Amino acid sequence: MTEHNYEHMRRAMVASTLRTTGVNDPRVLAAIGAVPRERFVPEGRAPAAYADTLVPLVDGRELNSPMSLGRMLNEVSPQEGERALVIGAATGYAAAVLERMVGTVVAVEEDKQLIEAARGALSGSRVKLVEGPLTEGYREGAPYDLILIDGAVEFVPQAIIDQLVDGGRLAAALLDRGVTRIAIGRRAGDAFGIAPMADSASAILPGFLKPKTFSF
């Protein structure tokens, strides 16, 4: 597979996968169209980089599907000059796309193998890659205008919500009884609301299980 082939596949993905599923923000389409996704998947899986599917990585982790990432970015509308946090950086693909749209990107990942892969794939970029628990975000870099949880979670921890500016937005996929739905949240003062928008196959992130409530 040549670089030309991948470029053709990338253009086709933008045209047939993203534009046809409600991703219509020109800046989102341009950013995804400019980042070579094949660099962010294991070498043996590079031919699957532009299929609208989850790509297996390591230890049960997966790279989110292009449609899921595209829809989240389309709805959360990243703006030039904003400060963004990516939770669940994996190999760094979402962070690389966001870097083309905002001012500053911090990306958090807890898996050491994925951290090493992301360092290689993001070589030369301005993304700040941080190793740490996904559920804690990265308080040292807060507050953020935008937080992208690049995968599916059962709930959003308060520790992450607290890292948003007042009026800041959060994009994630919510996992409910085996179904994942893209959701957009916003902080207003001490309040935070999040609403699901559309079903979407999304990579499930570890650690974000709802606390069990006590019952007799």
N, C-alpha and C. Protein backbone atom coordinates (compact mmCIF):
# COMPACT_ATOMS: atom_id res chain seq x y z
N MET A 1 0.85 -1.19 0.00
CA MET A 1 0.00 0.00 0.00
C MET A 1 0.89 1.25 0.00
N THR A 2 0.68 2.15 -0.95
CA THR A 2 1.51 3.34 -1.06
C THR A 2 0.86 4.54 -0.39
N GLU A 3 1.67 5.60 -0.21
CA GLU A 3 1.15 6.83 0.38
C GLU A 3 0.00 7.38 -0.47
N HIS A 4 0.13 7.25 -1.78
CA HIS A 4 -0.94 7.72 -2.68
C HIS A 4 -2.23 6.95 -2.42
N ASN A 5 -2.12 5.63 -2.25
CA ASN A 5 -3.30 4.82 -1.96
C ASN A 5 -3.98 5.28 -0.68
N TYR A 6 -3.18 5.54 0.37
CA TYR A 6 -3.76 5.97 1.64
C TYR A 6 -4.43 7.33 1.51
N GLU A 7 -3.81 8.21 0.73
CA GLU A 7 -4.42 9.53 0.53
C GLU A 7 -5.77 9.39 -0.18
N HIS A 8 -5.84 8.52 -1.16
CA HIS A 8 -7.10 8.27 -1.86
C HIS A 8 -8.15 7.70 -0.90
N MET A 9 -7.74 6.77 -0.04
CA MET A 9 -8.65 6.17 0.93
C MET A 9 -9.13 7.21 1.93
N ARG A 10 -8.25 8.12 2.29
CA ARG A 10 -8.61 9.18 3.25
C ARG A 10 -9.66 10.11 2.65
N ARG A 11 -9.47 10.49 1.40
CA ARG A 11 -10.45 11.34 0.73
C ARG A 11 -11.79 10.63 0.61
N ALA A 12 -11.74 9.34 0.30
CA ALA A 12 -12.98 8.56 0.18
C ALA A 12 -13.70 8.45 1.52
N MET A 13 -12.93 8.29 2.61
CA MET A 13 -13.53 8.21 3.94
C MET A 13 -14.26 9.51 4.27
N VAL A 14 -13.64 10.63 3.99
CA VAL A 14 -14.26 11.92 4.27
C VAL A 14 -15.54 12.09 3.47
N ALA A 15 -15.49 11.70 2.20
CA ALA A 15 -16.65 11.89 1.32
C ALA A 15 -17.79 10.92 1.61
N SER A 16 -17.46 9.64 1.82
CA SER A 16 -18.51 8.63 1.91
C SER A 16 -18.90 8.26 3.33
N THR A 17 -17.97 8.39 4.29
CA THR A 17 -18.27 8.01 5.67
C THR A 17 -18.69 9.20 6.51
N LEU A 18 -17.97 10.30 6.37
CA LEU A 18 -18.24 11.45 7.25
C LEU A 18 -19.35 12.35 6.70
N ARG A 19 -19.22 12.80 5.47
CA ARG A 19 -20.21 13.72 4.91
C ARG A 19 -21.62 13.11 4.88
N THR A 20 -21.70 11.80 4.72
CA THR A 20 -23.00 11.15 4.61
C THR A 20 -23.62 10.81 5.97
N THR A 21 -22.89 11.07 7.05
CA THR A 21 -23.42 10.75 8.39
C THR A 21 -23.52 11.99 9.27
N GLY A 22 -23.68 13.15 8.64
CA GLY A 22 -23.95 14.36 9.40
C GLY A 22 -22.74 15.17 9.82
N VAL A 23 -21.55 14.77 9.39
CA VAL A 23 -20.35 15.57 9.69
C VAL A 23 -20.23 16.60 8.57
N ASN A 24 -20.59 17.86 8.89
CA ASN A 24 -20.62 18.89 7.85
C ASN A 24 -19.83 20.14 8.19
N ASP A 25 -19.13 20.14 9.32
CA ASP A 25 -18.29 21.28 9.67
C ASP A 25 -17.04 21.24 8.79
N PRO A 26 -16.82 22.26 7.95
CA PRO A 26 -15.68 22.23 7.03
C PRO A 26 -14.34 22.08 7.74
N ARG A 27 -14.21 22.66 8.94
CA ARG A 27 -12.95 22.57 9.66
C ARG A 27 -12.70 21.16 10.17
N VAL A 28 -13.75 20.48 10.59
CA VAL A 28 -13.61 19.09 11.04
C VAL A 28 -13.21 18.21 9.85
N LEU A 29 -13.90 18.38 8.72
CA LEU A 29 -13.60 17.59 7.53
C LEU A 29 -12.17 17.84 7.05
N ALA A 30 -11.74 19.09 7.09
CA ALA A 30 -10.39 19.43 6.65
C ALA A 30 -9.34 18.82 7.56
N ALA A 31 -9.57 18.88 8.87
CA ALA A 31 -8.60 18.34 9.82
C ALA A 31 -8.47 16.83 9.68
N ILE A 32 -9.61 16.13 9.61
CA ILE A 32 -9.56 14.67 9.46
C ILE A 32 -8.96 14.30 8.10
N GLY A 33 -9.26 15.09 7.09
CA GLY A 33 -8.71 14.83 5.77
C GLY A 33 -7.22 15.06 5.66
N ALA A 34 -6.65 15.78 6.63
CA ALA A 34 -5.22 16.11 6.57
C ALA A 34 -4.34 15.19 7.41
N VAL A 35 -4.94 14.42 8.32
CA VAL A 35 -4.14 13.59 9.23
C VAL A 35 -4.08 12.16 8.69
N PRO A 36 -2.87 11.64 8.43
CA PRO A 36 -2.73 10.28 7.92
C PRO A 36 -3.03 9.24 8.99
N ARG A 37 -4.25 8.75 9.03
CA ARG A 37 -4.71 7.84 10.08
C ARG A 37 -3.89 6.53 10.11
N GLU A 38 -3.33 6.15 8.98
CA GLU A 38 -2.56 4.90 8.94
C GLU A 38 -1.34 4.93 9.87
N ARG A 39 -0.87 6.11 10.22
CA ARG A 39 0.27 6.22 11.14
C ARG A 39 -0.11 5.88 12.57
N PHE A 40 -1.38 5.85 12.86
CA PHE A 40 -1.85 5.70 14.23
C PHE A 40 -2.44 4.32 14.52
N VAL A 41 -2.28 3.39 13.60
CA VAL A 41 -2.74 2.02 13.82
C VAL A 41 -1.54 1.09 13.74
N PRO A 42 -1.62 -0.10 14.35
CA PRO A 42 -0.51 -1.06 14.24
C PRO A 42 -0.20 -1.35 12.78
N GLU A 43 1.07 -1.56 12.49
CA GLU A 43 1.51 -1.70 11.10
C GLU A 43 0.72 -2.75 10.34
N GLY A 44 0.44 -3.87 10.96
CA GLY A 44 -0.28 -4.93 10.28
C GLY A 44 -1.74 -4.62 10.02
N ARG A 45 -2.26 -3.58 10.65
CA ARG A 45 -3.66 -3.21 10.48
C ARG A 45 -3.84 -1.94 9.66
N ALA A 46 -2.77 -1.43 9.11
CA ALA A 46 -2.83 -0.17 8.36
C ALA A 46 -3.88 -0.18 7.24
N PRO A 47 -4.06 -1.29 6.51
CA PRO A 47 -5.08 -1.28 5.45
C PRO A 47 -6.50 -1.03 5.96
N ALA A 48 -6.73 -1.26 7.26
CA ALA A 48 -8.06 -1.04 7.83
C ALA A 48 -8.21 0.36 8.42
N ALA A 49 -7.21 1.20 8.26
CA ALA A 49 -7.21 2.51 8.92
C ALA A 49 -8.40 3.36 8.51
N TYR A 50 -8.88 3.24 7.28
CA TYR A 50 -9.94 4.12 6.80
C TYR A 50 -11.30 3.45 6.69
N ALA A 51 -11.40 2.24 7.20
CA ALA A 51 -12.71 1.60 7.29
C ALA A 51 -13.45 2.20 8.48
N ASP A 52 -14.76 2.30 8.38
CA ASP A 52 -15.53 2.86 9.49
C ASP A 52 -15.75 1.78 10.54
N THR A 53 -14.67 1.50 11.26
CA THR A 53 -14.70 0.43 12.24
C THR A 53 -13.71 0.73 13.34
N LEU A 54 -13.85 0.04 14.46
CA LEU A 54 -12.88 0.13 15.55
C LEU A 54 -11.65 -0.69 15.18
N VAL A 55 -10.47 -0.15 15.44
CA VAL A 55 -9.23 -0.86 15.10
C VAL A 55 -8.59 -1.37 16.38
N PRO A 56 -8.42 -2.70 16.54
CA PRO A 56 -7.78 -3.23 17.75
C PRO A 56 -6.35 -2.70 17.92
N LEU A 57 -6.01 -2.35 19.15
CA LEU A 57 -4.68 -1.84 19.47
C LEU A 57 -3.99 -2.84 20.40
N VAL A 58 -4.00 -2.59 21.72
CA VAL A 58 -3.38 -3.50 22.69
C VAL A 58 -4.28 -3.66 23.90
N ASP A 59 -4.18 -4.81 24.56
CA ASP A 59 -4.86 -5.05 25.84
C ASP A 59 -6.34 -4.68 25.82
N GLY A 60 -7.01 -5.03 24.76
CA GLY A 60 -8.45 -4.77 24.68
C GLY A 60 -8.81 -3.36 24.26
N ARG A 61 -7.84 -2.48 24.11
CA ARG A 61 -8.11 -1.12 23.68
C ARG A 61 -8.27 -1.07 22.17
N GLU A 62 -9.06 -0.09 21.71
CA GLU A 62 -9.32 0.06 20.28
C GLU A 62 -9.23 1.54 19.89
N LEU A 63 -8.87 1.78 18.64
CA LEU A 63 -8.90 3.13 18.10
C LEU A 63 -10.34 3.43 17.68
N ASN A 64 -10.85 4.55 18.11
CA ASN A 64 -12.24 4.90 17.83
C ASN A 64 -12.50 4.96 16.32
N SER A 65 -13.73 4.75 15.94
CA SER A 65 -14.08 4.76 14.52
C SER A 65 -14.04 6.19 13.98
N PRO A 66 -13.73 6.38 12.70
CA PRO A 66 -13.72 7.72 12.12
C PRO A 66 -15.06 8.43 12.27
N MET A 67 -16.16 7.70 12.10
CA MET A 67 -17.48 8.34 12.20
C MET A 67 -17.75 8.83 13.61
N SER A 68 -17.40 8.03 14.62
CA SER A 68 -17.62 8.44 16.01
C SER A 68 -16.84 9.70 16.34
N LEU A 69 -15.55 9.73 15.99
CA LEU A 69 -14.75 10.92 16.24
C LEU A 69 -15.28 12.11 15.46
N GLY A 70 -15.59 11.89 14.19
CA GLY A 70 -16.09 12.99 13.36
C GLY A 70 -17.37 13.60 13.89
N ARG A 71 -18.32 12.75 14.32
CA ARG A 71 -19.58 13.25 14.86
C ARG A 71 -19.37 14.03 16.15
N MET A 72 -18.50 13.51 17.03
CA MET A 72 -18.25 14.22 18.29
C MET A 72 -17.64 15.60 18.03
N LEU A 73 -16.66 15.66 17.14
CA LEU A 73 -16.03 16.94 16.85
C LEU A 73 -17.00 17.89 16.15
N ASN A 74 -17.81 17.36 15.26
CA ASN A 74 -18.79 18.18 14.55
C ASN A 74 -19.76 18.84 15.53
N GLU A 75 -20.22 18.09 16.52
CA GLU A 75 -21.21 18.61 17.46
C GLU A 75 -20.61 19.52 18.52
N VAL A 76 -19.34 19.28 18.88
CA VAL A 76 -18.74 20.07 19.95
C VAL A 76 -18.06 21.33 19.41
N SER A 77 -17.84 21.39 18.10
CA SER A 77 -17.38 22.58 17.38
C SER A 77 -16.11 23.20 17.98
N PRO A 78 -14.96 22.54 17.85
CA PRO A 78 -13.69 23.13 18.32
C PRO A 78 -13.39 24.43 17.59
N GLN A 79 -12.82 25.40 18.33
CA GLN A 79 -12.53 26.71 17.75
C GLN A 79 -11.05 27.04 17.87
N GLU A 80 -10.55 27.77 16.88
CA GLU A 80 -9.15 28.19 16.90
C GLU A 80 -8.84 28.98 18.17
N GLY A 81 -7.72 28.67 18.79
CA GLY A 81 -7.30 29.38 19.99
C GLY A 81 -7.76 28.73 21.28
N GLU A 82 -8.63 27.72 21.20
CA GLU A 82 -9.11 27.07 22.42
C GLU A 82 -8.07 26.11 22.99
N ARG A 83 -8.25 25.81 24.27
CA ARG A 83 -7.41 24.84 24.95
C ARG A 83 -8.23 23.56 25.11
N ALA A 84 -7.70 22.43 24.62
CA ALA A 84 -8.46 21.19 24.60
C ALA A 84 -7.72 20.07 25.32
N LEU A 85 -8.49 19.18 25.93
CA LEU A 85 -7.97 17.98 26.59
C LEU A 85 -8.58 16.76 25.92
N VAL A 86 -7.73 15.82 25.54
CA VAL A 86 -8.19 14.53 25.02
C VAL A 86 -7.95 13.48 26.09
N ILE A 87 -9.00 12.77 26.48
CA ILE A 87 -8.89 11.70 27.47
C ILE A 87 -9.05 10.37 26.73
N GLY A 88 -8.06 9.50 26.91
CA GLY A 88 -8.03 8.25 26.14
C GLY A 88 -7.30 8.48 24.84
N ALA A 89 -6.08 9.02 24.93
CA ALA A 89 -5.33 9.40 23.73
C ALA A 89 -5.04 8.22 22.82
N ALA A 90 -4.93 7.01 23.40
CA ALA A 90 -4.57 5.81 22.62
C ALA A 90 -3.29 6.11 21.85
N THR A 91 -3.31 5.96 20.52
CA THR A 91 -2.10 6.20 19.73
C THR A 91 -1.95 7.65 19.28
N GLY A 92 -2.89 8.52 19.69
CA GLY A 92 -2.74 9.95 19.44
C GLY A 92 -3.51 10.51 18.27
N TYR A 93 -4.35 9.70 17.62
CA TYR A 93 -5.02 10.17 16.41
C TYR A 93 -5.96 11.34 16.67
N ALA A 94 -6.84 11.22 17.64
CA ALA A 94 -7.79 12.31 17.92
C ALA A 94 -7.06 13.59 18.30
N ALA A 95 -5.97 13.45 19.06
CA ALA A 95 -5.18 14.63 19.45
C ALA A 95 -4.56 15.30 18.23
N ALA A 96 -4.10 14.49 17.28
CA ALA A 96 -3.50 15.04 16.06
C ALA A 96 -4.54 15.80 15.24
N VAL A 97 -5.76 15.27 15.17
CA VAL A 97 -6.83 15.96 14.45
C VAL A 97 -7.18 17.27 15.15
N LEU A 98 -7.35 17.22 16.46
CA LEU A 98 -7.71 18.43 17.22
C LEU A 98 -6.63 19.50 17.13
N GLU A 99 -5.37 19.07 17.07
CA GLU A 99 -4.28 20.05 17.01
C GLU A 99 -4.43 20.98 15.82
N ARG A 100 -5.04 20.50 14.76
CA ARG A 100 -5.23 21.31 13.56
C ARG A 100 -6.39 22.30 13.70
N MET A 101 -7.14 22.20 14.80
CA MET A 101 -8.35 23.00 14.93
C MET A 101 -8.31 24.00 16.08
N VAL A 102 -7.51 23.72 17.11
CA VAL A 102 -7.51 24.57 18.30
C VAL A 102 -6.10 25.09 18.58
N GLY A 103 -5.94 25.80 19.69
CA GLY A 103 -4.65 26.37 20.01
C GLY A 103 -3.72 25.42 20.73
N THR A 104 -4.22 24.75 21.77
CA THR A 104 -3.40 23.87 22.60
C THR A 104 -4.13 22.57 22.85
N VAL A 105 -3.40 21.45 22.74
CA VAL A 105 -3.98 20.14 23.00
C VAL A 105 -3.13 19.39 24.02
N VAL A 106 -3.79 18.94 25.08
CA VAL A 106 -3.18 18.03 26.05
C VAL A 106 -3.88 16.69 25.89
N ALA A 107 -3.13 15.60 25.86
CA ALA A 107 -3.71 14.26 25.66
C ALA A 107 -3.25 13.33 26.77
N VAL A 108 -4.20 12.67 27.42
CA VAL A 108 -3.91 11.79 28.54
C VAL A 108 -4.12 10.33 28.15
N GLU A 109 -3.17 9.49 28.51
CA GLU A 109 -3.27 8.06 28.28
C GLU A 109 -2.61 7.32 29.45
N GLU A 110 -3.17 6.16 29.82
CA GLU A 110 -2.63 5.42 30.96
C GLU A 110 -1.91 4.13 30.58
N ASP A 111 -2.12 3.65 29.36
CA ASP A 111 -1.47 2.42 28.93
C ASP A 111 -0.07 2.73 28.39
N LYS A 112 0.95 2.09 28.98
CA LYS A 112 2.33 2.41 28.62
C LYS A 112 2.65 2.08 27.16
N GLN A 113 2.11 0.98 26.65
CA GLN A 113 2.37 0.64 25.24
C GLN A 113 1.75 1.67 24.30
N LEU A 114 0.56 2.14 24.64
CA LEU A 114 -0.09 3.14 23.80
C LEU A 114 0.64 4.48 23.90
N ILE A 115 1.14 4.80 25.09
CA ILE A 115 1.92 6.04 25.25
C ILE A 115 3.12 6.02 24.31
N GLU A 116 3.83 4.90 24.27
CA GLU A 116 5.01 4.81 23.40
C GLU A 116 4.61 4.93 21.93
N ALA A 117 3.51 4.28 21.56
CA ALA A 117 3.05 4.38 20.17
C ALA A 117 2.65 5.81 19.83
N ALA A 118 1.98 6.49 20.77
CA ALA A 118 1.55 7.87 20.53
C ALA A 118 2.76 8.81 20.41
N ARG A 119 3.77 8.58 21.22
CA ARG A 119 4.97 9.42 21.13
C ARG A 119 5.58 9.34 19.74
N GLY A 120 5.61 8.15 19.18
CA GLY A 120 6.16 7.99 17.84
C GLY A 120 5.27 8.63 16.79
N ALA A 121 3.97 8.38 16.88
CA ALA A 121 3.05 8.88 15.86
C ALA A 121 2.91 10.40 15.92
N LEU A 122 3.06 10.97 17.11
CA LEU A 122 2.91 12.42 17.28
C LEU A 122 4.24 13.17 17.22
N SER A 123 5.30 12.47 16.84
CA SER A 123 6.61 13.11 16.77
C SER A 123 6.57 14.35 15.89
N GLY A 124 7.05 15.46 16.43
CA GLY A 124 7.06 16.71 15.69
C GLY A 124 5.83 17.57 15.90
N SER A 125 4.81 17.03 16.58
CA SER A 125 3.60 17.82 16.83
C SER A 125 3.76 18.63 18.12
N ARG A 126 2.80 19.51 18.37
CA ARG A 126 2.81 20.34 19.58
C ARG A 126 1.90 19.77 20.67
N VAL A 127 1.35 18.57 20.45
CA VAL A 127 0.48 17.95 21.45
C VAL A 127 1.30 17.60 22.70
N LYS A 128 0.77 17.95 23.87
CA LYS A 128 1.40 17.58 25.14
C LYS A 128 0.82 16.24 25.56
N LEU A 129 1.63 15.19 25.52
CA LEU A 129 1.18 13.85 25.87
C LEU A 129 1.51 13.57 27.32
N VAL A 130 0.50 13.16 28.08
CA VAL A 130 0.64 12.96 29.53
C VAL A 130 0.25 11.53 29.88
N GLU A 131 1.05 10.88 30.72
CA GLU A 131 0.71 9.55 31.20
C GLU A 131 0.02 9.66 32.56
N GLY A 132 -1.17 9.07 32.68
CA GLY A 132 -1.90 9.12 33.94
C GLY A 132 -3.26 8.49 33.81
N PRO A 133 -3.96 8.31 34.95
CA PRO A 133 -5.28 7.68 34.93
C PRO A 133 -6.27 8.48 34.09
N LEU A 134 -6.99 7.80 33.22
CA LEU A 134 -7.94 8.48 32.35
C LEU A 134 -9.03 9.17 33.15
N THR A 135 -9.47 8.55 34.24
CA THR A 135 -10.60 9.08 35.00
C THR A 135 -10.26 10.37 35.74
N GLU A 136 -8.99 10.74 35.78
CA GLU A 136 -8.58 11.96 36.50
C GLU A 136 -8.31 13.13 35.58
N GLY A 137 -8.31 12.90 34.27
CA GLY A 137 -8.00 13.99 33.36
C GLY A 137 -6.59 14.49 33.57
N TYR A 138 -6.39 15.80 33.45
CA TYR A 138 -5.08 16.40 33.71
C TYR A 138 -5.29 17.78 34.31
N ARG A 139 -5.43 17.79 35.64
CA ARG A 139 -5.76 19.02 36.36
C ARG A 139 -4.70 20.10 36.19
N GLU A 140 -3.43 19.68 36.05
CA GLU A 140 -2.35 20.67 35.96
C GLU A 140 -2.49 21.57 34.74
N GLY A 141 -3.17 21.11 33.71
CA GLY A 141 -3.33 21.92 32.50
C GLY A 141 -4.65 22.65 32.42
N ALA A 142 -5.52 22.43 33.41
CA ALA A 142 -6.86 23.03 33.40
C ALA A 142 -6.78 24.53 33.69
N PRO A 143 -7.84 25.28 33.32
CA PRO A 143 -9.12 24.80 32.75
C PRO A 143 -9.05 24.68 31.23
N TYR A 144 -9.96 23.87 30.70
CA TYR A 144 -10.04 23.62 29.26
C TYR A 144 -11.35 24.15 28.69
N ASP A 145 -11.27 24.67 27.49
CA ASP A 145 -12.49 25.09 26.79
C ASP A 145 -13.27 23.88 26.28
N LEU A 146 -12.53 22.82 25.99
CA LEU A 146 -13.12 21.64 25.37
C LEU A 146 -12.43 20.39 25.91
N ILE A 147 -13.23 19.39 26.29
CA ILE A 147 -12.69 18.08 26.67
C ILE A 147 -13.32 17.04 25.76
N LEU A 148 -12.47 16.24 25.14
CA LEU A 148 -12.92 15.14 24.29
C LEU A 148 -12.55 13.83 24.97
N ILE A 149 -13.55 13.07 25.40
CA ILE A 149 -13.31 11.71 25.88
C ILE A 149 -13.46 10.81 24.67
N ASP A 150 -12.34 10.33 24.17
CA ASP A 150 -12.35 9.64 22.88
C ASP A 150 -12.72 8.17 23.04
N GLY A 151 -13.98 7.95 23.39
CA GLY A 151 -14.47 6.60 23.57
C GLY A 151 -15.75 6.61 24.37
N ALA A 152 -16.19 5.41 24.75
CA ALA A 152 -17.46 5.26 25.46
C ALA A 152 -17.23 5.05 26.95
N VAL A 153 -18.05 5.74 27.77
CA VAL A 153 -17.96 5.66 29.22
C VAL A 153 -19.37 5.55 29.79
N GLU A 154 -19.49 4.98 30.98
CA GLU A 154 -20.81 4.91 31.61
C GLU A 154 -21.17 6.23 32.28
N PHE A 155 -20.16 6.98 32.72
CA PHE A 155 -20.44 8.28 33.33
C PHE A 155 -19.19 9.15 33.21
N VAL A 156 -19.37 10.45 33.43
CA VAL A 156 -18.25 11.40 33.40
C VAL A 156 -17.93 11.80 34.84
N PRO A 157 -16.74 11.48 35.35
CA PRO A 157 -16.40 11.81 36.73
C PRO A 157 -16.40 13.32 36.98
N GLN A 158 -16.76 13.69 38.19
CA GLN A 158 -16.78 15.11 38.56
C GLN A 158 -15.39 15.73 38.43
N ALA A 159 -14.35 14.94 38.68
CA ALA A 159 -12.98 15.45 38.57
C ALA A 159 -12.69 15.97 37.17
N ILE A 160 -13.30 15.36 36.16
CA ILE A 160 -13.10 15.82 34.79
C ILE A 160 -13.97 17.04 34.50
N ILE A 161 -15.21 17.01 34.95
CA ILE A 161 -16.11 18.16 34.74
C ILE A 161 -15.51 19.42 35.34
N ASP A 162 -14.88 19.28 36.51
CA ASP A 162 -14.28 20.43 37.20
C ASP A 162 -13.15 21.08 36.41
N GLN A 163 -12.63 20.39 35.40
CA GLN A 163 -11.52 20.92 34.62
C GLN A 163 -11.98 21.75 33.42
N LEU A 164 -13.30 21.85 33.23
CA LEU A 164 -13.86 22.70 32.18
C LEU A 164 -13.97 24.15 32.64
N VAL A 165 -13.79 25.08 31.74
CA VAL A 165 -14.11 26.48 32.03
C VAL A 165 -15.63 26.61 32.13
N ASP A 166 -16.09 27.68 32.72
CA ASP A 166 -17.53 27.96 32.72
C ASP A 166 -17.96 28.17 31.26
N GLY A 167 -18.91 27.40 30.82
CA GLY A 167 -19.33 27.44 29.42
C GLY A 167 -18.59 26.45 28.54
N GLY A 168 -17.64 25.71 29.12
CA GLY A 168 -16.86 24.74 28.36
C GLY A 168 -17.70 23.55 27.93
N ARG A 169 -17.26 22.88 26.85
CA ARG A 169 -18.01 21.75 26.28
C ARG A 169 -17.24 20.45 26.45
N LEU A 170 -17.99 19.37 26.48
CA LEU A 170 -17.40 18.04 26.60
C LEU A 170 -18.08 17.11 25.60
N ALA A 171 -17.28 16.31 24.90
CA ALA A 171 -17.83 15.32 23.97
C ALA A 171 -17.38 13.94 24.41
N ALA A 172 -18.29 12.98 24.34
CA ALA A 172 -17.99 11.60 24.71
C ALA A 172 -19.03 10.71 24.05
N ALA A 173 -18.89 9.41 24.28
CA ALA A 173 -19.96 8.47 23.95
C ALA A 173 -20.40 7.85 25.26
N LEU A 174 -21.69 7.83 25.52
CA LEU A 174 -22.22 7.26 26.74
C LEU A 174 -22.61 5.81 26.49
N LEU A 175 -22.19 4.93 27.40
CA LEU A 175 -22.48 3.51 27.30
C LEU A 175 -23.66 3.18 28.21
N ASP A 176 -24.72 2.64 27.61
CA ASP A 176 -25.92 2.30 28.38
C ASP A 176 -26.46 0.96 27.91
N ARG A 177 -26.33 -0.05 28.77
CA ARG A 177 -26.82 -1.40 28.47
C ARG A 177 -26.33 -1.91 27.12
N GLY A 178 -25.05 -1.71 26.89
CA GLY A 178 -24.42 -2.24 25.69
C GLY A 178 -24.51 -1.37 24.46
N VAL A 179 -25.24 -0.26 24.54
CA VAL A 179 -25.39 0.66 23.42
C VAL A 179 -24.57 1.92 23.69
N THR A 180 -23.81 2.37 22.70
CA THR A 180 -23.03 3.59 22.85
C THR A 180 -23.65 4.71 22.03
N ARG A 181 -23.77 5.88 22.66
CA ARG A 181 -24.39 7.04 22.00
C ARG A 181 -23.50 8.26 22.17
N ILE A 182 -23.25 8.95 21.07
CA ILE A 182 -22.50 10.21 21.14
C ILE A 182 -23.29 11.19 21.99
N ALA A 183 -22.58 11.89 22.87
CA ALA A 183 -23.24 12.84 23.78
C ALA A 183 -22.39 14.10 23.91
N ILE A 184 -23.07 15.22 24.06
CA ILE A 184 -22.40 16.52 24.22
C ILE A 184 -22.85 17.14 25.54
N GLY A 185 -21.87 17.59 26.33
CA GLY A 185 -22.18 18.22 27.61
C GLY A 185 -21.64 19.63 27.67
N ARG A 186 -22.18 20.41 28.60
CA ARG A 186 -21.72 21.79 28.79
C ARG A 186 -21.77 22.14 30.27
N ARG A 187 -20.75 22.86 30.71
CA ARG A 187 -20.71 23.34 32.09
C ARG A 187 -21.26 24.75 32.15
N ALA A 188 -22.12 24.99 33.14
CA ALA A 188 -22.66 26.34 33.38
C ALA A 188 -22.56 26.60 34.88
N GLY A 189 -21.54 27.36 35.25
CA GLY A 189 -21.31 27.58 36.67
C GLY A 189 -20.93 26.27 37.34
N ASP A 190 -21.65 25.90 38.39
CA ASP A 190 -21.40 24.62 39.06
C ASP A 190 -22.23 23.48 38.48
N ALA A 191 -23.06 23.78 37.50
CA ALA A 191 -23.92 22.76 36.91
C ALA A 191 -23.30 22.20 35.64
N PHE A 192 -23.68 20.95 35.35
CA PHE A 192 -23.20 20.30 34.13
C PHE A 192 -24.31 19.41 33.61
N GLY A 193 -24.60 19.55 32.34
CA GLY A 193 -25.60 18.70 31.71
C GLY A 193 -25.03 18.05 30.47
N ILE A 194 -25.42 16.81 30.23
CA ILE A 194 -24.95 16.10 29.05
C ILE A 194 -26.12 15.35 28.43
N ALA A 195 -26.22 15.40 27.11
CA ALA A 195 -27.36 14.80 26.42
C ALA A 195 -26.88 13.93 25.28
N PRO A 196 -27.37 12.67 25.20
CA PRO A 196 -27.03 11.79 24.06
C PRO A 196 -27.69 12.30 22.79
N MET A 197 -27.01 12.09 21.65
CA MET A 197 -27.50 12.61 20.39
C MET A 197 -27.76 11.54 19.34
N ALA A 198 -26.85 10.57 19.25
CA ALA A 198 -27.00 9.57 18.18
C ALA A 198 -26.23 8.31 18.53
N ASP A 199 -26.77 7.15 18.17
CA ASP A 199 -26.06 5.89 18.37
C ASP A 199 -24.81 5.88 17.50
N SER A 200 -23.74 5.33 18.06
CA SER A 200 -22.49 5.24 17.30
C SER A 200 -21.60 4.19 17.93
N ALA A 201 -21.03 3.31 17.12
CA ALA A 201 -20.08 2.33 17.64
C ALA A 201 -18.84 3.06 18.11
N SER A 202 -18.51 2.93 19.38
CA SER A 202 -17.38 3.66 19.96
C SER A 202 -16.54 2.73 20.81
N ALA A 203 -15.24 2.99 20.83
CA ALA A 203 -14.33 2.20 21.66
C ALA A 203 -14.66 2.45 23.13
N ILE A 204 -14.73 1.38 23.91
CA ILE A 204 -15.05 1.50 25.33
C ILE A 204 -13.76 1.74 26.11
N LEU A 205 -13.75 2.80 26.92
CA LEU A 205 -12.57 3.14 27.71
C LEU A 205 -12.63 2.46 29.07
N PRO A 206 -11.49 2.02 29.60
CA PRO A 206 -11.47 1.35 30.90
C PRO A 206 -11.62 2.35 32.05
N GLY A 207 -12.25 1.88 33.14
CA GLY A 207 -12.29 2.66 34.38
C GLY A 207 -13.50 3.52 34.60
N PHE A 208 -14.35 3.68 33.59
CA PHE A 208 -15.48 4.61 33.70
C PHE A 208 -16.79 3.89 33.98
N LEU A 209 -16.79 2.99 34.95
CA LEU A 209 -18.01 2.29 35.33
C LEU A 209 -18.76 3.09 36.36
N LYS A 210 -20.08 3.11 36.26
CA LYS A 210 -20.90 3.81 37.25
C LYS A 210 -20.71 3.18 38.62
N PRO A 211 -20.58 4.02 39.67
CA PRO A 211 -20.48 3.45 41.03
C PRO A 211 -21.76 2.66 41.34
N LYS A 212 -21.57 1.47 41.95
CA LYS A 212 -22.71 0.64 42.31
C LYS A 212 -23.46 1.25 43.48
N THR A 213 -24.78 1.34 43.35
CA THR A 213 -25.58 1.87 44.46
C THR A 213 -25.96 0.73 45.39
N PHE A 214 -26.07 1.05 46.68
CA PHE A 214 -26.40 0.03 47.67
C PHE A 214 -27.87 -0.35 47.57
N SER A 215 -28.14 -1.64 47.66
CA SER A 215 -29.54 -2.07 47.68
C SER A 215 -29.63 -3.32 48.54
N PHE A 216 -30.81 -3.55 49.13
CA PHE A 216 -31.04 -4.73 49.95
C PHE A 216 -31.30 -5.95 49.05
